[in-house]
């Protein structure tokens, strides 16, 4: 159903205002400037994601079209992660990523469109069946949502999870969350990984998107310039949630 200009303005104006407020808030929050300075950014996927993930090639981009990727990592000490399971750490990060300040305008837009009977970016895949729909309040900071779960009314889907409770130890603990549709002109995914080291752990967030039906870049360059800023600030929210958990 098409939106009128009035409907669009009613959605975009408060979203923009909220977004500007969040930009001001983020000058030193939710992560300190010193901690933020330890985040490393890359215009490529994490090595472990590129090496071992099956979700992107089999579900998101089965035709192996041009893709755009970026990733962000931070090292946390043993004191930061404390005596928590891999699943709890990843669940806390995931909850912080979607429940934090940065994602608030997008949550508002998704909710507003749902009130009009629409979805922001409908999520669905030819090689994966959808599971239960989970709202924000259903996202636990202790356990990961099950594979196939639809988040926020069907705008995201949990593609894969692996934690320290699994018997496969050849790859990091991770959760992979998809968006878009491989039968349309936009599809992509988020990957949150936990990699243990001697003195702590690395949290690594990878993002990748493509046009799965036409072999071209899914968006102009300026969109990805904004995306990289947005992804980094979402990453900060996820990390802040881990550090804030008592």
Protein backbone atom coordinates (compact mmCIF):
# COMPACT_ATOMS: atom_id res chain seq x y z
CA UNK A 1 0.00 0.00 0.00
CA UNK A 2 1.63 3.34 -1.04
CA UNK A 3 2.15 6.07 1.55
CA UNK A 4 0.90 9.62 1.01
CA UNK A 5 3.33 12.53 1.43
CA UNK A 6 1.52 13.46 4.66
CA UNK A 7 1.98 9.96 6.03
CA UNK A 8 5.65 9.98 5.07
CA UNK A 9 6.23 13.35 6.73
CA UNK A 10 4.49 12.19 9.90
CA UNK A 11 6.94 9.28 10.04
CA UNK A 12 10.14 10.99 8.94
CA UNK A 13 9.96 14.25 10.91
CA UNK A 14 9.88 12.70 14.40
CA UNK A 15 12.36 10.05 13.29
CA UNK A 16 14.79 12.77 12.13
CA UNK A 17 14.33 14.78 15.33
CA UNK A 18 14.94 11.69 17.43
CA UNK A 19 17.98 10.86 15.34
CA UNK A 20 19.52 14.31 15.86
CA UNK A 21 18.95 14.05 19.59
CA UNK A 22 20.69 10.70 19.65
CA UNK A 23 23.67 12.08 17.70
CA UNK A 24 24.12 14.75 20.40
CA UNK A 25 23.74 12.16 23.15
CA UNK A 26 26.37 9.94 21.55
CA UNK A 27 29.20 12.47 21.92
CA UNK A 28 30.35 10.50 24.97
CA UNK A 29 27.64 7.89 25.43
CA UNK A 30 26.86 5.03 25.75
CA UNK A 31 30.57 4.18 25.49
CA UNK A 32 33.29 6.50 26.76
CA UNK A 33 35.53 8.28 24.27
CA UNK A 34 38.51 6.29 25.54
CA UNK A 35 36.74 2.96 25.05
CA UNK A 36 35.37 4.00 21.66
CA UNK A 37 38.93 4.75 20.54
CA UNK A 38 39.77 1.05 20.93
CA UNK A 39 37.21 0.03 18.27
CA UNK A 40 38.84 -1.00 14.99
CA UNK A 41 36.88 -0.65 11.73
CA UNK A 42 37.38 -2.56 8.48
CA UNK A 43 35.77 -2.40 5.04
CA UNK A 44 35.64 -6.18 4.88
CA UNK A 45 34.19 -9.09 6.85
CA UNK A 46 35.89 -10.57 9.88
CA UNK A 47 38.28 -13.40 8.88
CA UNK A 48 36.25 -16.02 10.77
CA UNK A 49 32.96 -14.90 9.18
CA UNK A 50 34.46 -14.91 5.69
CA UNK A 51 35.98 -18.34 6.30
CA UNK A 52 33.19 -20.25 8.01
CA UNK A 53 29.77 -18.58 7.68
CA UNK A 54 27.31 -20.46 5.47
CA UNK A 55 24.37 -18.08 5.86
CA UNK A 56 25.52 -15.41 3.42
CA UNK A 57 26.36 -17.67 0.49
CA UNK A 58 23.47 -20.09 0.95
CA UNK A 59 20.62 -17.85 2.19
CA UNK A 60 21.35 -14.15 1.62
CA UNK A 61 23.34 -14.18 -1.63
CA UNK A 62 22.93 -17.60 -3.30
CA UNK A 63 23.89 -16.22 -6.74
CA UNK A 64 27.19 -14.79 -5.48
CA UNK A 65 26.46 -11.22 -6.57
CA UNK A 66 28.50 -8.11 -5.75
CA UNK A 67 28.36 -7.36 -2.04
CA UNK A 68 29.35 -4.54 0.29
CA UNK A 69 30.87 -5.46 3.65
CA UNK A 70 32.27 -3.84 6.76
CA UNK A 71 33.17 -4.96 10.27
CA UNK A 72 34.04 -3.61 13.72
CA UNK A 73 35.91 -5.21 16.59
CA UNK A 74 36.90 -4.46 20.16
CA UNK A 75 39.00 -6.36 22.69
CA UNK A 76 37.50 -6.81 26.14
CA UNK A 77 39.36 -7.95 29.25
CA UNK A 78 38.46 -10.91 31.42
CA UNK A 79 37.13 -8.41 33.95
CA UNK A 80 34.82 -6.98 31.26
CA UNK A 81 33.29 -10.31 30.25
CA UNK A 82 33.43 -11.84 33.76
CA UNK A 83 32.31 -15.41 34.33
CA UNK A 84 29.54 -15.42 31.72
CA UNK A 85 28.74 -18.00 29.08
CA UNK A 86 29.25 -17.21 25.41
CA UNK A 87 25.49 -17.29 24.91
CA UNK A 88 24.86 -14.75 27.66
CA UNK A 89 27.52 -12.39 26.31
CA UNK A 90 26.13 -12.58 22.76
CA UNK A 91 22.53 -12.28 23.99
CA UNK A 92 23.46 -9.18 26.00
CA UNK A 93 25.20 -7.67 22.97
CA UNK A 94 22.25 -8.47 20.68
CA UNK A 95 19.76 -6.94 23.13
CA UNK A 96 21.90 -3.82 23.50
CA UNK A 97 22.32 -3.52 19.73
CA UNK A 98 18.55 -3.47 19.10
CA UNK A 99 17.37 -1.91 22.38
CA UNK A 100 19.91 0.92 22.58
CA UNK A 101 19.55 4.61 21.83
CA UNK A 102 20.90 4.40 18.29
CA UNK A 103 18.29 1.95 17.03
CA UNK A 104 15.42 3.96 18.58
CA UNK A 105 14.49 5.92 15.40
CA UNK A 106 14.46 2.73 13.34
CA UNK A 107 12.34 0.98 15.99
CA UNK A 108 9.94 3.93 15.85
CA UNK A 109 9.77 3.79 12.05
CA UNK A 110 9.17 0.02 12.08
CA UNK A 111 6.39 0.39 14.66
CA UNK A 112 4.80 3.31 12.79
CA UNK A 113 4.73 1.41 9.51
CA UNK A 114 3.25 -1.63 11.26
CA UNK A 115 0.43 0.57 12.54
CA UNK A 116 -0.33 1.29 8.86
CA UNK A 117 -0.25 -2.41 8.01
CA UNK A 118 3.20 -2.23 6.40
CA UNK A 119 6.73 -3.48 7.01
CA UNK A 120 9.87 -1.36 6.76
CA UNK A 121 11.96 -3.98 4.91
CA UNK A 122 10.05 -7.29 4.81
CA UNK A 123 12.31 -10.22 5.59
CA UNK A 124 12.02 -13.62 3.93
CA UNK A 125 14.19 -16.21 2.22
CA UNK A 126 13.57 -18.95 -0.31
CA UNK A 127 15.79 -21.40 1.59
CA UNK A 128 14.61 -20.75 5.13
CA UNK A 129 11.22 -21.02 6.84
CA UNK A 130 10.20 -18.29 9.29
CA UNK A 131 9.69 -19.07 12.95
CA UNK A 132 7.93 -17.20 15.77
CA UNK A 133 7.70 -13.40 15.80
CA UNK A 134 9.58 -11.77 18.69
CA UNK A 135 9.20 -8.18 19.85
CA UNK A 136 11.86 -6.19 21.70
CA UNK A 137 10.50 -7.18 25.11
CA UNK A 138 10.88 -10.83 24.11
CA UNK A 139 14.60 -10.47 23.39
CA UNK A 140 16.46 -11.92 26.35
CA UNK A 141 19.84 -10.66 27.54
CA UNK A 142 20.61 -14.18 28.80
CA UNK A 143 19.67 -16.50 25.93
CA UNK A 144 19.70 -16.10 22.16
CA UNK A 145 16.47 -16.26 20.13
CA UNK A 146 15.97 -19.56 18.28
CA UNK A 147 16.94 -19.99 14.65
CA UNK A 148 14.22 -18.74 12.31
CA UNK A 149 12.81 -16.22 14.79
CA UNK A 150 11.40 -13.07 13.19
CA UNK A 151 12.30 -9.87 15.02
CA UNK A 152 10.27 -6.66 15.16
CA UNK A 153 7.25 -7.94 13.30
CA UNK A 154 9.19 -9.65 10.53
CA UNK A 155 11.89 -7.12 9.60
CA UNK A 156 14.80 -9.36 10.70
CA UNK A 157 15.32 -13.13 10.93
CA UNK A 158 17.72 -15.17 13.07
CA UNK A 159 19.64 -17.28 10.54
CA UNK A 160 22.10 -19.15 12.73
CA UNK A 161 23.44 -19.35 16.28
CA UNK A 162 26.44 -21.14 17.75
CA UNK A 163 27.59 -20.92 21.36
CA UNK A 164 30.00 -22.60 23.75
CA UNK A 165 27.32 -25.20 24.45
CA UNK A 166 27.73 -26.56 20.92
CA UNK A 167 30.11 -29.42 20.18
CA UNK A 168 31.57 -27.72 17.07
CA UNK A 169 34.65 -25.76 18.14
CA UNK A 170 36.14 -24.90 14.75
CA UNK A 171 34.60 -21.41 14.70
CA UNK A 172 33.73 -18.64 17.19
CA UNK A 173 30.46 -18.45 19.05
CA UNK A 174 28.14 -16.28 16.98
CA UNK A 175 24.64 -15.18 16.08
CA UNK A 176 23.70 -14.26 12.49
CA UNK A 177 20.66 -12.08 11.76
CA UNK A 178 19.35 -11.45 8.25
CA UNK A 179 17.26 -8.69 6.68
CA UNK A 180 15.72 -8.23 3.24
CA UNK A 181 14.78 -11.00 0.80
CA UNK A 182 16.89 -13.03 -1.64
CA UNK A 183 13.98 -12.92 -4.13
CA UNK A 184 13.99 -9.11 -4.23
CA UNK A 185 16.63 -6.43 -4.81
CA UNK A 186 18.01 -6.06 -1.29
CA UNK A 187 19.27 -8.56 1.23
CA UNK A 188 21.91 -8.60 3.93
CA UNK A 189 22.88 -9.74 7.38
CA UNK A 190 24.53 -8.89 10.69
CA UNK A 191 26.98 -11.28 12.35
CA UNK A 192 27.95 -10.93 16.02
CA UNK A 193 30.97 -13.05 17.02
CA UNK A 194 32.74 -13.81 20.30
CA UNK A 195 36.36 -14.95 20.02
CA UNK A 196 38.22 -15.90 23.20
CA UNK A 197 41.83 -14.91 23.80
CA UNK A 198 44.28 -15.53 26.65
CA UNK A 199 43.55 -12.20 28.35
CA UNK A 200 39.89 -11.75 27.42
CA UNK A 201 37.82 -11.82 24.25
CA UNK A 202 37.14 -10.06 20.96
CA UNK A 203 33.63 -8.91 20.04
CA UNK A 204 33.40 -8.68 16.25
CA UNK A 205 30.45 -7.31 14.30
CA UNK A 206 30.29 -7.90 10.53
CA UNK A 207 27.68 -6.44 8.18
CA UNK A 208 27.19 -7.37 4.54
CA UNK A 209 24.50 -6.60 1.95
CA UNK A 210 23.84 -7.20 -1.73
CA UNK A 211 21.31 -7.07 -4.54
CA UNK A 212 20.53 -10.80 -4.78
CA UNK A 213 18.53 -10.63 -8.03
CA UNK A 214 20.59 -8.14 -10.09
CA UNK A 215 24.39 -8.27 -10.01
CA UNK A 216 25.07 -4.67 -8.97
CA UNK A 217 25.66 -2.71 -5.78
CA UNK A 218 22.46 -2.45 -3.73
CA UNK A 219 22.80 1.28 -2.97
CA UNK A 220 24.85 4.35 -3.97
CA UNK A 221 28.13 5.05 -2.15
CA UNK A 222 26.67 7.81 0.03
CA UNK A 223 24.23 5.34 1.59
CA UNK A 224 27.14 3.16 2.70
CA UNK A 225 28.96 6.18 4.11
CA UNK A 226 25.99 6.70 6.42
CA UNK A 227 25.73 2.96 7.05
CA UNK A 228 29.30 2.75 8.33
CA UNK A 229 28.64 5.52 10.87
CA UNK A 230 25.34 3.89 11.87
CA UNK A 231 26.87 0.41 12.18
CA UNK A 232 29.70 1.69 14.37
CA UNK A 233 27.30 3.42 16.75
CA UNK A 234 25.06 0.34 16.93
CA UNK A 235 28.18 -1.66 17.77
CA UNK A 236 28.92 0.78 20.59
CA UNK A 237 25.45 0.19 22.05
CA UNK A 238 25.99 -3.57 22.01
CA UNK A 239 29.40 -3.31 23.67
CA UNK A 240 28.07 -0.86 26.26
CA UNK A 241 25.38 -3.37 27.21
CA UNK A 242 28.04 -6.01 27.91
CA UNK A 243 30.08 -3.61 30.04
CA UNK A 244 27.01 -2.38 31.93
CA UNK A 245 25.78 -5.83 32.96
CA UNK A 246 26.41 -6.57 36.61
